[in-house]
C-alpha atoms as a PDB file:
ATOM      1  CA  MET A   1     -30.304  -7.533  17.496  1.00  0.00           C
ATOM      2  CA  VAL A   2     -27.128  -7.580  15.475  1.00  0.00           C
ATOM      3  CA  VAL A   3     -24.404  -9.408  16.891  1.00  0.00           C
ATOM      4  CA  SER A   4     -21.470  -9.107  14.757  1.00  0.00           C
ATOM      5  CA  ALA A   5     -17.270  -9.956  15.046  1.00  0.00           C
ATOM      6  CA  ARG A   6     -16.729  -6.639  13.773  1.00  0.00           C
ATOM      7  CA  PRO A   7     -14.499  -7.959  10.961  1.00  0.00           C
ATOM      8  CA  TYR A   8     -14.171  -4.415   9.423  1.00  0.00           C
ATOM      9  CA  ALA A   9     -13.282  -2.795  12.357  1.00  0.00           C
ATOM     10  CA  ILE A  10      -9.739  -1.273  13.066  1.00  0.00           C
ATOM     11  CA  SER A  11      -8.475   0.951  16.171  1.00  0.00           C
ATOM     12  CA  PRO A  12      -6.966   3.764  15.616  1.00  0.00           C
ATOM     13  CA  ALA A  13      -4.324   2.406  18.007  1.00  0.00           C
ATOM     14  CA  GLU A  14      -4.098  -0.419  15.520  1.00  0.00           C
ATOM     15  CA  LEU A  15      -4.329   1.643  12.548  1.00  0.00           C
ATOM     16  CA  ALA A  16      -1.291   4.031  13.661  1.00  0.00           C
ATOM     17  CA  THR A  17       1.061   0.359  14.436  1.00  0.00           C
ATOM     18  CA  VAL A  18       0.356  -0.831  11.109  1.00  0.00           C
ATOM     19  CA  ALA A  19       1.251   2.737   9.203  1.00  0.00           C
ATOM     20  CA  ASN A  20       3.727   3.456  11.707  1.00  0.00           C
ATOM     21  CA  ARG A  21       5.163  -0.350  10.598  1.00  0.00           C
ATOM     22  CA  VAL A  22       4.553  -0.220   7.091  1.00  0.00           C
ATOM     23  CA  VAL A  23       6.586   3.150   6.848  1.00  0.00           C
ATOM     24  CA  ASN A  24       9.363   1.729   8.685  1.00  0.00           C
ATOM     25  CA  CYS A  25       9.631  -1.207   6.484  1.00  0.00           C
ATOM     26  CA  LEU A  26       9.204   0.634   3.132  1.00  0.00           C
ATOM     27  CA  PRO A  27      13.317   1.719   3.307  1.00  0.00           C
ATOM     28  CA  MET A  28      14.491  -1.757   3.823  1.00  0.00           C
ATOM     29  CA  LEU A  29      12.135  -4.101   2.026  1.00  0.00           C
ATOM     30  CA  SER A  30      15.210  -6.036   0.999  1.00  0.00           C
ATOM     31  CA  LYS A  31      16.665  -6.188   4.197  1.00  0.00           C
ATOM     32  CA  ILE A  32      13.646  -7.786   6.402  1.00  0.00           C
ATOM     33  CA  GLN A  33      12.913 -11.235   6.337  1.00  0.00           C
ATOM     34  CA  PRO A  34      10.501 -12.307   3.929  1.00  0.00           C
ATOM     35  CA  ARG A  35       7.678 -13.186   6.230  1.00  0.00           C
ATOM     36  CA  GLU A  36       7.766 -10.070   8.127  1.00  0.00           C
ATOM     37  CA  ARG A  37       7.401  -7.950   5.134  1.00  0.00           C
ATOM     38  CA  GLU A  38       4.446 -10.401   4.408  1.00  0.00           C
ATOM     39  CA  GLY A  39       2.766  -9.537   7.654  1.00  0.00           C
ATOM     40  CA  ILE A  40       3.427  -5.476   7.612  1.00  0.00           C
ATOM     41  CA  LEU A  41       2.264  -5.475   4.352  1.00  0.00           C
ATOM     42  CA  GLY A  42      -0.626  -7.667   4.416  1.00  0.00           C
ATOM     43  CA  LYS A  43      -2.341  -5.735   7.385  1.00  0.00           C
ATOM     44  CA  ALA A  44      -1.794  -2.642   4.826  1.00  0.00           C
ATOM     45  CA  ILE A  45      -3.364  -4.462   2.090  1.00  0.00           C
ATOM     46  CA  GLU A  46      -6.410  -5.963   4.395  1.00  0.00           C
ATOM     47  CA  PHE A  47      -6.694  -1.939   5.530  1.00  0.00           C
ATOM     48  CA  ILE A  48      -7.236  -0.692   2.164  1.00  0.00           C
ATOM     49  CA  GLY A  49      -9.769  -3.571   1.402  1.00  0.00           C
ATOM     50  CA  MET A  50     -11.870  -1.938   4.713  1.00  0.00           C
ATOM     51  CA  VAL A  51     -11.074   1.316   3.039  1.00  0.00           C
ATOM     52  CA  GLY A  52     -12.867  -0.139  -0.776  1.00  0.00           C
ATOM     53  CA  ARG A  53     -15.640  -1.324   1.442  1.00  0.00           C
ATOM     54  CA  GLY A  54     -16.194   2.320   2.934  1.00  0.00           C
ATOM     55  CA  GLU A  55     -16.261   3.828  -0.583  1.00  0.00           C
ATOM     56  CA  GLN A  56     -18.575   1.203  -1.649  1.00  0.00           C
ATOM     57  CA  ILE A  57     -21.026   2.508   1.220  1.00  0.00           C
ATOM     58  CA  MET A  58     -20.690   6.270  -0.478  1.00  0.00           C
ATOM     59  CA  LYS A  59     -21.160   5.520  -4.092  1.00  0.00           C
ATOM     60  CA  THR A  60     -24.202   2.989  -3.105  1.00  0.00           C
ATOM     61  CA  GLY A  61     -25.581   4.241  -0.150  1.00  0.00           C
ATOM     62  CA  GLN A  62     -26.085   0.379   0.985  1.00  0.00           C
ATOM     63  CA  LEU A  63     -25.775   0.340   4.475  1.00  0.00           C
ATOM     64  CA  ARG A  64     -24.922  -2.595   6.458  1.00  0.00           C
ATOM     65  CA  ALA A  65     -23.984  -3.272  10.345  1.00  0.00           C
ATOM     66  CA  ASN A  66     -20.952  -2.591   9.931  1.00  0.00           C
ATOM     67  CA  ALA A  67     -21.607   0.377   7.929  1.00  0.00           C
ATOM     68  CA  SER A  68     -20.132   2.648  10.373  1.00  0.00           C
ATOM     69  CA  ASP A  69     -17.110   1.029  10.986  1.00  0.00           C
ATOM     70  CA  SER A  70     -16.123   1.233   7.214  1.00  0.00           C
ATOM     71  CA  LEU A  71     -16.825   4.871   6.604  1.00  0.00           C
ATOM     72  CA  ARG A  72     -14.626   5.490   9.506  1.00  0.00           C
ATOM     73  CA  ASN A  73     -11.760   3.208   7.308  1.00  0.00           C
ATOM     74  CA  TYR A  74     -12.661   5.487   4.616  1.00  0.00           C
ATOM     75  CA  GLY A  75     -12.763   8.704   6.347  1.00  0.00           C
ATOM     76  CA  TRP A  76      -9.162   8.163   7.522  1.00  0.00           C
ATOM     77  CA  PHE A  77      -8.023   7.093   4.583  1.00  0.00           C
ATOM     78  CA  THR A  78      -9.146   9.950   2.648  1.00  0.00           C
ATOM     79  CA  ARG A  79      -8.238  12.296   4.637  1.00  0.00           C
ATOM     80  CA  ALA A  80      -4.859  11.117   4.750  1.00  0.00           C
ATOM     81  CA  PHE A  81      -5.013  10.928   0.882  1.00  0.00           C
ATOM     82  CA  SER A  82      -5.729  14.389   0.385  1.00  0.00           C
ATOM     83  CA  LEU A  83      -2.962  15.700   2.488  1.00  0.00           C
ATOM     84  CA  SER A  84      -0.354  13.711   0.590  1.00  0.00           C
ATOM     85  CA  SER A  85       1.222  15.196  -2.898  1.00  0.00           C
ATOM     86  CA  ARG A  86      -0.921  12.131  -4.660  1.00  0.00           C
ATOM     87  CA  ARG A  87      -4.372  13.937  -4.194  1.00  0.00           C
ATOM     88  CA  HIS A  88      -3.533  16.383  -7.233  1.00  0.00           C
ATOM     89  CA  GLU A  89      -4.004  13.712  -9.926  1.00  0.00           C
ATOM     90  CA  VAL A  90      -6.870  12.465  -8.782  1.00  0.00           C
ATOM     91  CA  SER A  91     -10.601  13.857 -10.377  1.00  0.00           C
ATOM     92  CA  SER A  92     -13.302  11.764 -10.211  1.00  0.00           C
ATOM     93  CA  LYS A  93     -14.807   8.537  -8.015  1.00  0.00           C
ATOM     94  CA  GLN A  94     -14.153   6.257 -10.298  1.00  0.00           C
ATOM     95  CA  ASP A  95     -10.198   7.625 -10.736  1.00  0.00           C
ATOM     96  CA  PHE A  96     -10.420   6.988  -7.222  1.00  0.00           C
ATOM     97  CA  SER A  97     -11.614   3.597  -6.985  1.00  0.00           C
ATOM     98  CA  ASP A  98      -8.829   3.131  -9.641  1.00  0.00           C
ATOM     99  CA  GLU A  99      -6.370   5.046  -7.043  1.00  0.00           C
ATOM    100  CA  LEU A 100      -7.267   2.264  -4.538  1.00  0.00           C
ATOM    101  CA  ARG A 101      -6.562  -0.856  -6.845  1.00  0.00           C
ATOM    102  CA  GLN A 102      -3.729   0.328  -7.951  1.00  0.00           C
ATOM    103  CA  LEU A 103      -2.331   0.937  -4.274  1.00  0.00           C
ATOM    104  CA  ARG A 104      -3.622  -2.599  -3.366  1.00  0.00           C
ATOM    105  CA  ASP A 105      -1.834  -3.978  -6.463  1.00  0.00           C
ATOM    106  CA  THR A 106       1.462  -2.434  -5.467  1.00  0.00           C
ATOM    107  CA  LEU A 107       1.183  -3.482  -1.849  1.00  0.00           C
ATOM    108  CA  THR A 108       0.667  -6.680  -2.987  1.00  0.00           C
ATOM    109  CA  ALA A 109       3.787  -6.773  -5.538  1.00  0.00           C
ATOM    110  CA  LEU A 110       5.949  -5.478  -2.671  1.00  0.00           C
ATOM    111  CA  ARG A 111       4.300  -7.832   0.008  1.00  0.00           C
ATOM    112  CA  ASN A 112       5.798 -10.581  -3.114  1.00  0.00           C
ATOM    113  CA  GLY A 113       9.005  -9.030  -3.199  1.00  0.00           C
ATOM    114  CA  GLU A 114       8.572  -7.643  -6.204  1.00  0.00           C
ATOM    115  CA  THR A 115      10.515  -4.268  -6.983  1.00  0.00           C
ATOM    116  CA  MET A 116       9.001  -0.839  -7.174  1.00  0.00           C
ATOM    117  CA  PRO A 117      10.276   2.545  -8.237  1.00  0.00           C
ATOM    118  CA  ASP A 118      11.393   4.800  -5.862  1.00  0.00           C
ATOM    119  CA  GLU A 119       8.865   7.844  -6.289  1.00  0.00           C
ATOM    120  CA  LYS A 120       6.370   4.974  -6.258  1.00  0.00           C
ATOM    121  CA  ILE A 121       7.371   3.656  -2.645  1.00  0.00           C
ATOM    122  CA  ALA A 122       8.185   7.271  -1.633  1.00  0.00           C
ATOM    123  CA  GLU A 123       4.659   8.264  -2.402  1.00  0.00           C
ATOM    124  CA  ILE A 124       3.083   5.553  -0.436  1.00  0.00           C
ATOM    125  CA  LYS A 125       5.427   6.221   3.056  1.00  0.00           C
ATOM    126  CA  GLU A 126       4.161   9.534   2.793  1.00  0.00           C
ATOM    127  CA  LEU A 127       0.358   7.947   2.475  1.00  0.00           C
ATOM    128  CA  PHE A 128       1.426   5.567   5.543  1.00  0.00           C
ATOM    129  CA  ALA A 129       3.272   8.258   7.784  1.00  0.00           C
ATOM    130  CA  TYR A 130      -0.247  10.556   7.675  1.00  0.00           C
ATOM    131  CA  LEU A 131      -2.658   7.678   8.486  1.00  0.00           C
ATOM    132  CA  CYS A 132      -0.340   7.406  11.600  1.00  0.00           C
ATOM    133  CA  LYS A 133      -0.726  10.846  12.870  1.00  0.00           C
ATOM    134  CA  ILE A 134      -4.447  11.029  11.687  1.00  0.00           C
ATOM    135  CA  ALA A 135      -5.055   7.689  14.041  1.00  0.00           C
ATOM    136  CA  LEU A 136      -2.708   9.044  16.879  1.00  0.00           C
ATOM    137  CA  SER A 137      -4.689  12.354  16.788  1.00  0.00           C
ATOM    138  CA  VAL A 138      -8.061  10.905  17.223  1.00  0.00           C
ATOM    139  CA  ASP A 139      -7.303   7.706  19.650  1.00  0.00           C
ATOM    140  CA  ASN A 140      -8.275   8.499  23.186  1.00  0.00           C
ATOM    141  CA  VAL A 141      -8.854   5.704  25.153  1.00  0.00           C
ATOM    142  CA  PRO A 142     -10.584   5.968  28.207  1.00  0.00           C
ATOM    143  CA  THR A 143      -6.802   5.760  30.153  1.00  0.00           C
ATOM    144  CA  ASP A 144      -5.808   9.027  28.207  1.00  0.00           C
ATOM    145  CA  LYS A 145      -8.017  10.660  31.172  1.00  0.00           C
ATOM    146  CA  LEU A 146      -6.599   9.182  34.072  1.00  0.00           C
ATOM    147  CA  THR A 147      -4.184  10.653  36.243  1.00  0.00           C
ATOM    148  CA  ILE A 148      -1.876   8.866  38.524  1.00  0.00           C
ATOM    149  CA  THR A 149      -1.018  10.634  42.289  1.00  0.00           C
END
């Protein structure tokens, strides 16, 4: 039996919250408190790390106890990525690895208070807006089927 604390899991509701906070934070980076910016963008960076673990599973085929969580995160991200305007720029698996690394580096720079071009911020905002929509579309907790009479 495998017992896991599920460190690689993120629920759809949590992903929607994180993505929505990133979307709302990006236009006002200079106005929010550094601690709040670090918290919001730190969660986004953490999610990108989860996506990276899913990508490694796809590349190597080596499954672990948390593979399903990592692959789910990877699937959500690739779906959002394919819907965003950046999809035309990526042509190979290695390019996607580079894209993940660049996204993580950009989010880290923003978390640390560095400035980025408006186009780069708009791309990240669009990507996380799609992530929010995807997460909300798959979030089906048991209370969704309850009716109160």
